[in-house]
Amino acid sequence: MTTPKRISLFPDVPTLSELGIKGSEAGAWQGLMVPAKTPKPVIDKLNAEVMKTLQSADVRSRLAQQGTEPLGSTPEEYAAYIKSETARWGTVVKQTGVTLE
């Protein structure tokens, strides 16, 4: 597993980190984006509804069936995560010379 911790769908499969391969975490992540300058009250309302939805037993069950763990965060935490992932993978692209065809 390339995730930071084992996932419930495959509890006996160790993570790469557990196998001694540090810094190899990678996973899929999704989130909502809004246009720049969207009013903060609108962003806060959308975030509150998403967080509420992620607590739904039905949604959690469906995501678990896919091996997905819903996290949810604040808009500020998500922005920081996007920034850190952009920097992280930007470095990988520069070091490897990967290009789009």
PDB file of N, CA and C in Angstrom:
ATOM      1  N   MET A   1       0.831  -1.179   0.000  1.00  0.00           N
ATOM      2  CA  MET A   1       0.000   0.000   0.000  1.00  0.00           C
ATOM      3  C   MET A   1       0.878   1.246   0.000  1.00  0.00           C
ATOM      4  N   THR A   2       0.492   2.204  -0.791  1.00  0.00           N
ATOM      5  CA  THR A   2       1.232   3.460  -0.831  1.00  0.00           C
ATOM      6  C   THR A   2       0.622   4.506   0.103  1.00  0.00           C
ATOM      7  N   THR A   3      -0.426   4.120   0.802  1.00  0.00           N
ATOM      8  CA  THR A   3      -1.082   5.037   1.733  1.00  0.00           C
ATOM      9  C   THR A   3      -0.293   5.121   3.039  1.00  0.00           C
ATOM     10  N   PRO A   4      -0.512   6.189   3.832  1.00  0.00           N
ATOM     11  CA  PRO A   4       0.235   6.335   5.086  1.00  0.00           C
ATOM     12  C   PRO A   4      -0.032   5.220   6.101  1.00  0.00           C
ATOM     13  N   LYS A   5      -1.246   4.660   6.059  1.00  0.00           N
ATOM     14  CA  LYS A   5      -1.569   3.558   6.971  1.00  0.00           C
ATOM     15  C   LYS A   5      -2.349   2.501   6.207  1.00  0.00           C
ATOM     16  N   ARG A   6      -2.426   1.326   6.775  1.00  0.00           N
ATOM     17  CA  ARG A   6      -3.156   0.242   6.115  1.00  0.00           C
ATOM     18  C   ARG A   6      -4.624   0.631   5.928  1.00  0.00           C
ATOM     19  N   ILE A   7      -5.232   0.072   4.879  1.00  0.00           N
ATOM     20  CA  ILE A   7      -6.638   0.363   4.640  1.00  0.00           C
ATOM     21  C   ILE A   7      -7.484  -0.830   5.059  1.00  0.00           C
ATOM     22  N   SER A   8      -8.709  -0.543   5.453  1.00  0.00           N
ATOM     23  CA  SER A   8      -9.584  -1.589   5.993  1.00  0.00           C
ATOM     24  C   SER A   8      -9.919  -2.666   4.963  1.00  0.00           C
ATOM     25  N   LEU A   9      -9.919  -2.337   3.694  1.00  0.00           N
ATOM     26  CA  LEU A   9     -10.245  -3.313   2.659  1.00  0.00           C
ATOM     27  C   LEU A   9      -9.169  -4.394   2.543  1.00  0.00           C
ATOM     28  N   PHE A  10      -7.915  -4.029   2.851  1.00  0.00           N
ATOM     29  CA  PHE A  10      -6.789  -4.960   2.801  1.00  0.00           C
ATOM     30  C   PHE A  10      -5.958  -4.831   4.079  1.00  0.00           C
ATOM     31  N   PRO A  11      -6.500  -5.246   5.207  1.00  0.00           N
ATOM     32  CA  PRO A  11      -5.817  -5.014   6.480  1.00  0.00           C
ATOM     33  C   PRO A  11      -4.493  -5.765   6.639  1.00  0.00           C
ATOM     34  N   ASP A  12      -4.284  -6.832   5.881  1.00  0.00           N
ATOM     35  CA  ASP A  12      -3.060  -7.614   6.011  1.00  0.00           C
ATOM     36  C   ASP A  12      -1.956  -7.186   5.039  1.00  0.00           C
ATOM     37  N   VAL A  13      -2.242  -6.202   4.205  1.00  0.00           N
ATOM     38  CA  VAL A  13      -1.245  -5.721   3.251  1.00  0.00           C
ATOM     39  C   VAL A  13      -0.492  -4.557   3.893  1.00  0.00           C
ATOM     40  N   PRO A  14       0.807  -4.713   4.103  1.00  0.00           N
ATOM     41  CA  PRO A  14       1.573  -3.641   4.748  1.00  0.00           C
ATOM     42  C   PRO A  14       1.774  -2.444   3.825  1.00  0.00           C
ATOM     43  N   THR A  15       2.004  -1.317   4.440  1.00  0.00           N
ATOM     44  CA  THR A  15       2.313  -0.111   3.661  1.00  0.00           C
ATOM     45  C   THR A  15       3.776  -0.171   3.232  1.00  0.00           C
ATOM     46  N   LEU A  16       4.129   0.601   2.227  1.00  0.00           N
ATOM     47  CA  LEU A  16       5.528   0.659   1.807  1.00  0.00           C
ATOM     48  C   LEU A  16       6.397   1.177   2.948  1.00  0.00           C
ATOM     49  N   SER A  17       5.870   2.110   3.709  1.00  0.00           N
ATOM     50  CA  SER A  17       6.610   2.639   4.856  1.00  0.00           C
ATOM     51  C   SER A  17       6.911   1.529   5.868  1.00  0.00           C
ATOM     52  N   GLU A  18       5.935   0.657   6.109  1.00  0.00           N
ATOM     53  CA  GLU A  18       6.151  -0.465   7.025  1.00  0.00           C
ATOM     54  C   GLU A  18       7.230  -1.413   6.504  1.00  0.00           C
ATOM     55  N   LEU A  19       7.378  -1.457   5.198  1.00  0.00           N
ATOM     56  CA  LEU A  19       8.379  -2.323   4.581  1.00  0.00           C
ATOM     57  C   LEU A  19       9.743  -1.644   4.484  1.00  0.00           C
ATOM     58  N   GLY A  20       9.840  -0.430   5.036  1.00  0.00           N
ATOM     59  CA  GLY A  20      11.118   0.265   5.068  1.00  0.00           C
ATOM     60  C   GLY A  20      11.351   1.237   3.928  1.00  0.00           C
ATOM     61  N   ILE A  21      10.349   1.429   3.087  1.00  0.00           N
ATOM     62  CA  ILE A  21      10.492   2.363   1.964  1.00  0.00           C
ATOM     63  C   ILE A  21       9.835   3.673   2.383  1.00  0.00           C
ATOM     64  N   LYS A  22      10.620   4.522   3.001  1.00  0.00           N
ATOM     65  CA  LYS A  22      10.098   5.781   3.550  1.00  0.00           C
ATOM     66  C   LYS A  22       9.908   6.831   2.455  1.00  0.00           C
ATOM     67  N   GLY A  23       8.947   7.721   2.675  1.00  0.00           N
ATOM     68  CA  GLY A  23       8.707   8.820   1.736  1.00  0.00           C
ATOM     69  C   GLY A  23       8.034   8.405   0.456  1.00  0.00           C
ATOM     70  N   SER A  24       7.401   7.250   0.449  1.00  0.00           N
ATOM     71  CA  SER A  24       6.802   6.746  -0.787  1.00  0.00           C
ATOM     72  C   SER A  24       5.280   6.817  -0.753  1.00  0.00           C
ATOM     73  N   GLU A  25       4.746   7.605   0.128  1.00  0.00           N
ATOM     74  CA  GLU A  25       3.296   7.692   0.250  1.00  0.00           C
ATOM     75  C   GLU A  25       2.692   8.391  -0.959  1.00  0.00           C
ATOM     76  N   ALA A  26       1.636   7.802  -1.467  1.00  0.00           N
ATOM     77  CA  ALA A  26       0.884   8.393  -2.570  1.00  0.00           C
ATOM     78  C   ALA A  26      -0.513   7.818  -2.522  1.00  0.00           C
ATOM     79  N   GLY A  27      -1.466   8.642  -2.733  1.00  0.00           N
ATOM     80  CA  GLY A  27      -2.844   8.175  -2.728  1.00  0.00           C
ATOM     81  C   GLY A  27      -3.697   9.098  -3.569  1.00  0.00           C
ATOM     82  N   ALA A  28      -4.896   8.665  -3.803  1.00  0.00           N
ATOM     83  CA  ALA A  28      -5.842   9.490  -4.540  1.00  0.00           C
ATOM     84  C   ALA A  28      -6.573  10.391  -3.558  1.00  0.00           C
ATOM     85  N   TRP A  29      -6.809  11.600  -3.950  1.00  0.00           N
ATOM     86  CA  TRP A  29      -7.578  12.502  -3.109  1.00  0.00           C
ATOM     87  C   TRP A  29      -8.517  13.313  -3.984  1.00  0.00           C
ATOM     88  N   GLN A  30      -9.634  13.645  -3.423  1.00  0.00           N
ATOM     89  CA  GLN A  30     -10.634  14.422  -4.131  1.00  0.00           C
ATOM     90  C   GLN A  30     -11.106  15.544  -3.214  1.00  0.00           C
ATOM     91  N   GLY A  31     -11.602  16.579  -3.813  1.00  0.00           N
ATOM     92  CA  GLY A  31     -12.147  17.679  -3.038  1.00  0.00           C
ATOM     93  C   GLY A  31     -12.900  18.626  -3.941  1.00  0.00           C
ATOM     94  N   LEU A  32     -13.571  19.546  -3.326  1.00  0.00           N
ATOM     95  CA  LEU A  32     -14.322  20.544  -4.073  1.00  0.00           C
ATOM     96  C   LEU A  32     -13.497  21.806  -4.246  1.00  0.00           C
ATOM     97  N   MET A  33     -13.651  22.417  -5.382  1.00  0.00           N
ATOM     98  CA  MET A  33     -13.010  23.691  -5.664  1.00  0.00           C
ATOM     99  C   MET A  33     -14.121  24.685  -6.023  1.00  0.00           C
ATOM    100  N   VAL A  34     -13.864  25.921  -5.724  1.00  0.00           N
ATOM    101  CA  VAL A  34     -14.800  26.978  -6.097  1.00  0.00           C
ATOM    102  C   VAL A  34     -14.015  28.081  -6.799  1.00  0.00           C
ATOM    103  N   PRO A  35     -14.695  28.911  -7.549  1.00  0.00           N
ATOM    104  CA  PRO A  35     -13.985  30.005  -8.211  1.00  0.00           C
ATOM    105  C   PRO A  35     -13.315  30.936  -7.204  1.00  0.00           C
ATOM    106  N   ALA A  36     -12.233  31.537  -7.631  1.00  0.00           N
ATOM    107  CA  ALA A  36     -11.556  32.525  -6.793  1.00  0.00           C
ATOM    108  C   ALA A  36     -12.558  33.613  -6.418  1.00  0.00           C
ATOM    109  N   LYS A  37     -12.368  34.152  -5.252  1.00  0.00           N
ATOM    110  CA  LYS A  37     -13.195  35.243  -4.725  1.00  0.00           C
ATOM    111  C   LYS A  37     -14.620  34.806  -4.375  1.00  0.00           C
ATOM    112  N   THR A  38     -14.851  33.488  -4.262  1.00  0.00           N
ATOM    113  CA  THR A  38     -16.147  33.036  -3.752  1.00  0.00           C
ATOM    114  C   THR A  38     -16.260  33.525  -2.317  1.00  0.00           C
ATOM    115  N   PRO A  39     -17.379  34.107  -1.939  1.00  0.00           N
ATOM    116  CA  PRO A  39     -17.507  34.627  -0.574  1.00  0.00           C
ATOM    117  C   PRO A  39     -17.307  33.539   0.483  1.00  0.00           C
ATOM    118  N   LYS A  40     -16.592  33.894   1.544  1.00  0.00           N
ATOM    119  CA  LYS A  40     -16.286  32.942   2.610  1.00  0.00           C
ATOM    120  C   LYS A  40     -17.538  32.284   3.182  1.00  0.00           C
ATOM    121  N   PRO A  41     -18.648  33.007   3.389  1.00  0.00           N
ATOM    122  CA  PRO A  41     -19.850  32.326   3.907  1.00  0.00           C
ATOM    123  C   PRO A  41     -20.345  31.206   2.982  1.00  0.00           C
ATOM    124  N   VAL A  42     -20.196  31.390   1.687  1.00  0.00           N
ATOM    125  CA  VAL A  42     -20.597  30.346   0.731  1.00  0.00           C
ATOM    126  C   VAL A  42     -19.655  29.147   0.858  1.00  0.00           C
ATOM    127  N   ILE A  43     -18.360  29.408   0.946  1.00  0.00           N
ATOM    128  CA  ILE A  43     -17.373  28.337   1.114  1.00  0.00           C
ATOM    129  C   ILE A  43     -17.639  27.587   2.410  1.00  0.00           C
ATOM    130  N   ASP A  44     -17.892  28.314   3.477  1.00  0.00           N
ATOM    131  CA  ASP A  44     -18.142  27.680   4.775  1.00  0.00           C
ATOM    132  C   ASP A  44     -19.394  26.823   4.747  1.00  0.00           C
ATOM    133  N   LYS A  45     -20.439  27.282   4.076  1.00  0.00           N
ATOM    134  CA  LYS A  45     -21.685  26.512   3.960  1.00  0.00           C
ATOM    135  C   LYS A  45     -21.448  25.239   3.152  1.00  0.00           C
ATOM    136  N   LEU A  46     -20.756  25.354   2.033  1.00  0.00           N
ATOM    137  CA  LEU A  46     -20.446  24.169   1.228  1.00  0.00           C
ATOM    138  C   LEU A  46     -19.627  23.164   2.036  1.00  0.00           C
ATOM    139  N   ASN A  47     -18.630  23.667   2.746  1.00  0.00           N
ATOM    140  CA  ASN A  47     -17.785  22.783   3.547  1.00  0.00           C
ATOM    141  C   ASN A  47     -18.598  22.086   4.627  1.00  0.00           C
ATOM    142  N   ALA A  48     -19.470  22.811   5.288  1.00  0.00           N
ATOM    143  CA  ALA A  48     -20.303  22.217   6.342  1.00  0.00           C
ATOM    144  C   ALA A  48     -21.178  21.100   5.775  1.00  0.00           C
ATOM    145  N   GLU A  49     -21.733  21.316   4.609  1.00  0.00           N
ATOM    146  CA  GLU A  49     -22.595  20.294   3.994  1.00  0.00           C
ATOM    147  C   GLU A  49     -21.791  19.076   3.556  1.00  0.00           C
ATOM    148  N   VAL A  50     -20.600  19.299   3.022  1.00  0.00           N
ATOM    149  CA  VAL A  50     -19.746  18.172   2.631  1.00  0.00           C
ATOM    150  C   VAL A  50     -19.349  17.371   3.867  1.00  0.00           C
ATOM    151  N   MET A  51     -18.950  18.062   4.919  1.00  0.00           N
ATOM    152  CA  MET A  51     -18.556  17.373   6.153  1.00  0.00           C
ATOM    153  C   MET A  51     -19.728  16.565   6.717  1.00  0.00           C
ATOM    154  N   LYS A  52     -20.919  17.129   6.653  1.00  0.00           N
ATOM    155  CA  LYS A  52     -22.114  16.420   7.117  1.00  0.00           C
ATOM    156  C   LYS A  52     -22.352  15.170   6.268  1.00  0.00           C
ATOM    157  N   THR A  53     -22.210  15.318   4.971  1.00  0.00           N
ATOM    158  CA  THR A  53     -22.403  14.190   4.051  1.00  0.00           C
ATOM    159  C   THR A  53     -21.380  13.089   4.313  1.00  0.00           C
ATOM    160  N   LEU A  54     -20.132  13.473   4.595  1.00  0.00           N
ATOM    161  CA  LEU A  54     -19.087  12.481   4.854  1.00  0.00           C
ATOM    162  C   LEU A  54     -19.329  11.704   6.146  1.00  0.00           C
ATOM    163  N   GLN A  55     -20.208  12.194   7.001  1.00  0.00           N
ATOM    164  CA  GLN A  55     -20.551  11.485   8.232  1.00  0.00           C
ATOM    165  C   GLN A  55     -21.730  10.541   8.036  1.00  0.00           C
ATOM    166  N   SER A  56     -22.375  10.608   6.898  1.00  0.00           N
ATOM    167  CA  SER A  56     -23.525   9.746   6.600  1.00  0.00           C
ATOM    168  C   SER A  56     -23.093   8.287   6.569  1.00  0.00           C
ATOM    169  N   ALA A  57     -23.835   7.435   7.258  1.00  0.00           N
ATOM    170  CA  ALA A  57     -23.516   5.999   7.297  1.00  0.00           C
ATOM    171  C   ALA A  57     -23.517   5.406   5.893  1.00  0.00           C
ATOM    172  N   ASP A  58     -24.454   5.825   5.059  1.00  0.00           N
ATOM    173  CA  ASP A  58     -24.541   5.295   3.696  1.00  0.00           C
ATOM    174  C   ASP A  58     -23.313   5.693   2.878  1.00  0.00           C
ATOM    175  N   VAL A  59     -22.922   6.947   2.962  1.00  0.00           N
ATOM    176  CA  VAL A  59     -21.753   7.422   2.219  1.00  0.00           C
ATOM    177  C   VAL A  59     -20.497   6.725   2.722  1.00  0.00           C
ATOM    178  N   ARG A  60     -20.328   6.641   4.020  1.00  0.00           N
ATOM    179  CA  ARG A  60     -19.150   5.989   4.598  1.00  0.00           C
ATOM    180  C   ARG A  60     -19.087   4.521   4.183  1.00  0.00           C
ATOM    181  N   SER A  61     -20.238   3.851   4.165  1.00  0.00           N
ATOM    182  CA  SER A  61     -20.283   2.446   3.768  1.00  0.00           C
ATOM    183  C   SER A  61     -19.878   2.273   2.311  1.00  0.00           C
ATOM    184  N   ARG A  62     -20.397   3.106   1.459  1.00  0.00           N
ATOM    185  CA  ARG A  62     -20.065   3.014   0.029  1.00  0.00           C
ATOM    186  C   ARG A  62     -18.589   3.311  -0.222  1.00  0.00           C
ATOM    187  N   LEU A  63     -18.065   4.292   0.470  1.00  0.00           N
ATOM    188  CA  LEU A  63     -16.648   4.604   0.315  1.00  0.00           C
ATOM    189  C   LEU A  63     -15.773   3.472   0.849  1.00  0.00           C
ATOM    190  N   ALA A  64     -16.164   2.884   1.966  1.00  0.00           N
ATOM    191  CA  ALA A  64     -15.401   1.771   2.544  1.00  0.00           C
ATOM    192  C   ALA A  64     -15.365   0.579   1.586  1.00  0.00           C
ATOM    193  N   GLN A  65     -16.452   0.351   0.867  1.00  0.00           N
ATOM    194  CA  GLN A  65     -16.485  -0.733  -0.113  1.00  0.00           C
ATOM    195  C   GLN A  65     -15.451  -0.534  -1.209  1.00  0.00           C
ATOM    196  N   GLN A  66     -15.060   0.707  -1.425  1.00  0.00           N
ATOM    197  CA  GLN A  66     -14.066   1.043  -2.442  1.00  0.00           C
ATOM    198  C   GLN A  66     -12.666   1.172  -1.849  1.00  0.00           C
ATOM    199  N   GLY A  67     -12.560   0.926  -0.548  1.00  0.00           N
ATOM    200  CA  GLY A  67     -11.272   1.056   0.107  1.00  0.00           C
ATOM    201  C   GLY A  67     -10.895   2.500   0.363  1.00  0.00           C
ATOM    202  N   THR A  68     -11.882   3.368   0.407  1.00  0.00           N
ATOM    203  CA  THR A  68     -11.656   4.798   0.587  1.00  0.00           C
ATOM    204  C   THR A  68     -12.045   5.211   1.993  1.00  0.00           C
ATOM    205  N   GLU A  69     -11.206   6.028   2.593  1.00  0.00           N
ATOM    206  CA  GLU A  69     -11.494   6.555   3.921  1.00  0.00           C
ATOM    207  C   GLU A  69     -11.762   8.044   3.805  1.00  0.00           C
ATOM    208  N   PRO A  70     -12.995   8.473   4.087  1.00  0.00           N
ATOM    209  CA  PRO A  70     -13.289   9.901   4.006  1.00  0.00           C
ATOM    210  C   PRO A  70     -12.614  10.651   5.143  1.00  0.00           C
ATOM    211  N   LEU A  71     -11.958  11.746   4.814  1.00  0.00           N
ATOM    212  CA  LEU A  71     -11.269  12.528   5.824  1.00  0.00           C
ATOM    213  C   LEU A  71     -11.992  13.837   6.105  1.00  0.00           C
ATOM    214  N   GLY A  72     -12.112  14.651   5.099  1.00  0.00           N
ATOM    215  CA  GLY A  72     -12.706  15.965   5.295  1.00  0.00           C
ATOM    216  C   GLY A  72     -11.754  16.873   6.045  1.00  0.00           C
ATOM    217  N   SER A  73     -11.880  18.152   5.823  1.00  0.00           N
ATOM    218  CA  SER A  73     -11.022  19.126   6.491  1.00  0.00           C
ATOM    219  C   SER A  73     -11.645  20.500   6.334  1.00  0.00           C
ATOM    220  N   THR A  74     -10.933  21.486   6.796  1.00  0.00           N
ATOM    221  CA  THR A  74     -11.375  22.855   6.588  1.00  0.00           C
ATOM    222  C   THR A  74     -10.881  23.321   5.220  1.00  0.00           C
ATOM    223  N   PRO A  75     -11.479  24.377   4.687  1.00  0.00           N
ATOM    224  CA  PRO A  75     -10.980  24.913   3.422  1.00  0.00           C
ATOM    225  C   PRO A  75      -9.502  25.305   3.506  1.00  0.00           C
ATOM    226  N   GLU A  76      -9.084  25.823   4.647  1.00  0.00           N
ATOM    227  CA  GLU A  76      -7.693  26.233   4.812  1.00  0.00           C
ATOM    228  C   GLU A  76      -6.752  25.022   4.833  1.00  0.00           C
ATOM    229  N   GLU A  77      -7.162  23.954   5.501  1.00  0.00           N
ATOM    230  CA  GLU A  77      -6.344  22.738   5.533  1.00  0.00           C
ATOM    231  C   GLU A  77      -6.233  22.124   4.149  1.00  0.00           C
ATOM    232  N   TYR A  78      -7.330  22.129   3.405  1.00  0.00           N
ATOM    233  CA  TYR A  78      -7.303  21.568   2.061  1.00  0.00           C
ATOM    234  C   TYR A  78      -6.409  22.400   1.145  1.00  0.00           C
ATOM    235  N   ALA A  79      -6.484  23.721   1.267  1.00  0.00           N
ATOM    236  CA  ALA A  79      -5.615  24.597   0.465  1.00  0.00           C
ATOM    237  C   ALA A  79      -4.144  24.319   0.772  1.00  0.00           C
ATOM    238  N   ALA A  80      -3.823  24.137   2.055  1.00  0.00           N
ATOM    239  CA  ALA A  80      -2.442  23.838   2.443  1.00  0.00           C
ATOM    240  C   ALA A  80      -2.014  22.483   1.889  1.00  0.00           C
ATOM    241  N   TYR A  81      -2.914  21.516   1.899  1.00  0.00           N
ATOM    242  CA  TYR A  81      -2.600  20.188   1.365  1.00  0.00           C
ATOM    243  C   TYR A  81      -2.322  20.265  -0.139  1.00  0.00           C
ATOM    244  N   ILE A  82      -3.171  20.972  -0.854  1.00  0.00           N
ATOM    245  CA  ILE A  82      -2.962  21.126  -2.300  1.00  0.00           C
ATOM    246  C   ILE A  82      -1.612  21.784  -2.568  1.00  0.00           C
ATOM    247  N   LYS A  83      -1.294  22.804  -1.799  1.00  0.00           N
ATOM    248  CA  LYS A  83      -0.014  23.495  -1.966  1.00  0.00           C
ATOM    249  C   LYS A  83       1.156  22.547  -1.714  1.00  0.00           C
ATOM    250  N   SER A  84       1.068  21.745  -0.660  1.00  0.00           N
ATOM    251  CA  SER A  84       2.167  20.829  -0.341  1.00  0.00           C
ATOM    252  C   SER A  84       2.289  19.724  -1.388  1.00  0.00           C
ATOM    253  N   GLU A  85       1.186  19.202  -1.873  1.00  0.00           N
ATOM    254  CA  GLU A  85       1.228  18.160  -2.897  1.00  0.00           C
ATOM    255  C   GLU A  85       1.750  18.709  -4.221  1.00  0.00           C
ATOM    256  N   THR A  86       1.380  19.935  -4.546  1.00  0.00           N
ATOM    257  CA  THR A  86       1.878  20.565  -5.772  1.00  0.00           C
ATOM    258  C   THR A  86       3.395  20.713  -5.709  1.00  0.00           C
ATOM    259  N   ALA A  87       3.886  21.160  -4.565  1.00  0.00           N
ATOM    260  CA  ALA A  87       5.336  21.298  -4.400  1.00  0.00           C
ATOM    261  C   ALA A  87       6.011  19.934  -4.448  1.00  0.00           C
ATOM    262  N   ARG A  88       5.442  18.970  -3.759  1.00  0.00           N
ATOM    263  CA  ARG A  88       6.030  17.621  -3.709  1.00  0.00           C
ATOM    264  C   ARG A  88       6.132  17.002  -5.092  1.00  0.00           C
ATOM    265  N   TRP A  89       5.022  16.988  -5.812  1.00  0.00           N
ATOM    266  CA  TRP A  89       5.019  16.339  -7.118  1.00  0.00           C
ATOM    267  C   TRP A  89       5.709  17.194  -8.171  1.00  0.00           C
ATOM    268  N   GLY A  90       5.746  18.506  -7.971  1.00  0.00           N
ATOM    269  CA  GLY A  90       6.516  19.365  -8.864  1.00  0.00           C
ATOM    270  C   GLY A  90       7.988  19.012  -8.818  1.00  0.00           C
ATOM    271  N   THR A  91       8.472  18.723  -7.621  1.00  0.00           N
ATOM    272  CA  THR A  91       9.865  18.301  -7.451  1.00  0.00           C
ATOM    273  C   THR A  91      10.117  16.983  -8.182  1.00  0.00           C
ATOM    274  N   VAL A  92       9.191  16.055  -8.057  1.00  0.00           N
ATOM    275  CA  VAL A  92       9.339  14.759  -8.738  1.00  0.00           C
ATOM    276  C   VAL A  92       9.389  14.961 -10.247  1.00  0.00           C
ATOM    277  N   VAL A  93       8.515  15.800 -10.764  1.00  0.00           N
ATOM    278  CA  VAL A  93       8.494  16.065 -12.210  1.00  0.00           C
ATOM    279  C   VAL A  93       9.821  16.661 -12.657  1.00  0.00           C
ATOM    280  N   LYS A  94      10.321  17.630 -11.907  1.00  0.00           N
ATOM    281  CA  LYS A  94      11.594  18.269 -12.274  1.00  0.00           C
ATOM    282  C   LYS A  94      12.768  17.284 -12.196  1.00  0.00           C
ATOM    283  N   GLN A  95      12.792  16.456 -11.151  1.00  0.00           N
ATOM    284  CA  GLN A  95      13.896  15.519 -10.980  1.00  0.00           C
ATOM    285  C   GLN A  95      13.887  14.412 -12.023  1.00  0.00           C
ATOM    286  N   THR A  96      12.721  14.003 -12.454  1.00  0.00           N
ATOM    287  CA  THR A  96      12.628  12.880 -13.401  1.00  0.00           C
ATOM    288  C   THR A  96      12.511  13.314 -14.854  1.00  0.00           C
ATOM    289  N   GLY A  97      12.135  14.583 -15.067  1.00  0.00           N
ATOM    290  CA  GLY A  97      11.964  15.055 -16.432  1.00  0.00           C
ATOM    291  C   GLY A  97      10.687  14.551 -17.090  1.00  0.00           C
ATOM    292  N   VAL A  98       9.732  14.105 -16.294  1.00  0.00           N
ATOM    293  CA  VAL A  98       8.458  13.620 -16.820  1.00  0.00           C
ATOM    294  C   VAL A  98       7.779  14.731 -17.603  1.00  0.00           C
ATOM    295  N   THR A  99       7.189  14.367 -18.749  1.00  0.00           N
ATOM    296  CA  THR A  99       6.426  15.325 -19.552  1.00  0.00           C
ATOM    297  C   THR A  99       5.123  14.695 -20.008  1.00  0.00           C
ATOM    298  N   LEU A 100       4.180  15.536 -20.375  1.00  0.00           N
ATOM    299  CA  LEU A 100       2.919  15.074 -20.958  1.00  0.00           C
ATOM    300  C   LEU A 100       3.096  14.895 -22.450  1.00  0.00           C
ATOM    301  N   GLU A 101       2.458  13.919 -22.981  1.00  0.00           N
ATOM    302  CA  GLU A 101       2.519  13.728 -24.437  1.00  0.00           C
ATOM    303  C   GLU A 101       1.332  14.344 -25.093  1.00  0.00           C
TER     304      GLU A 101
END
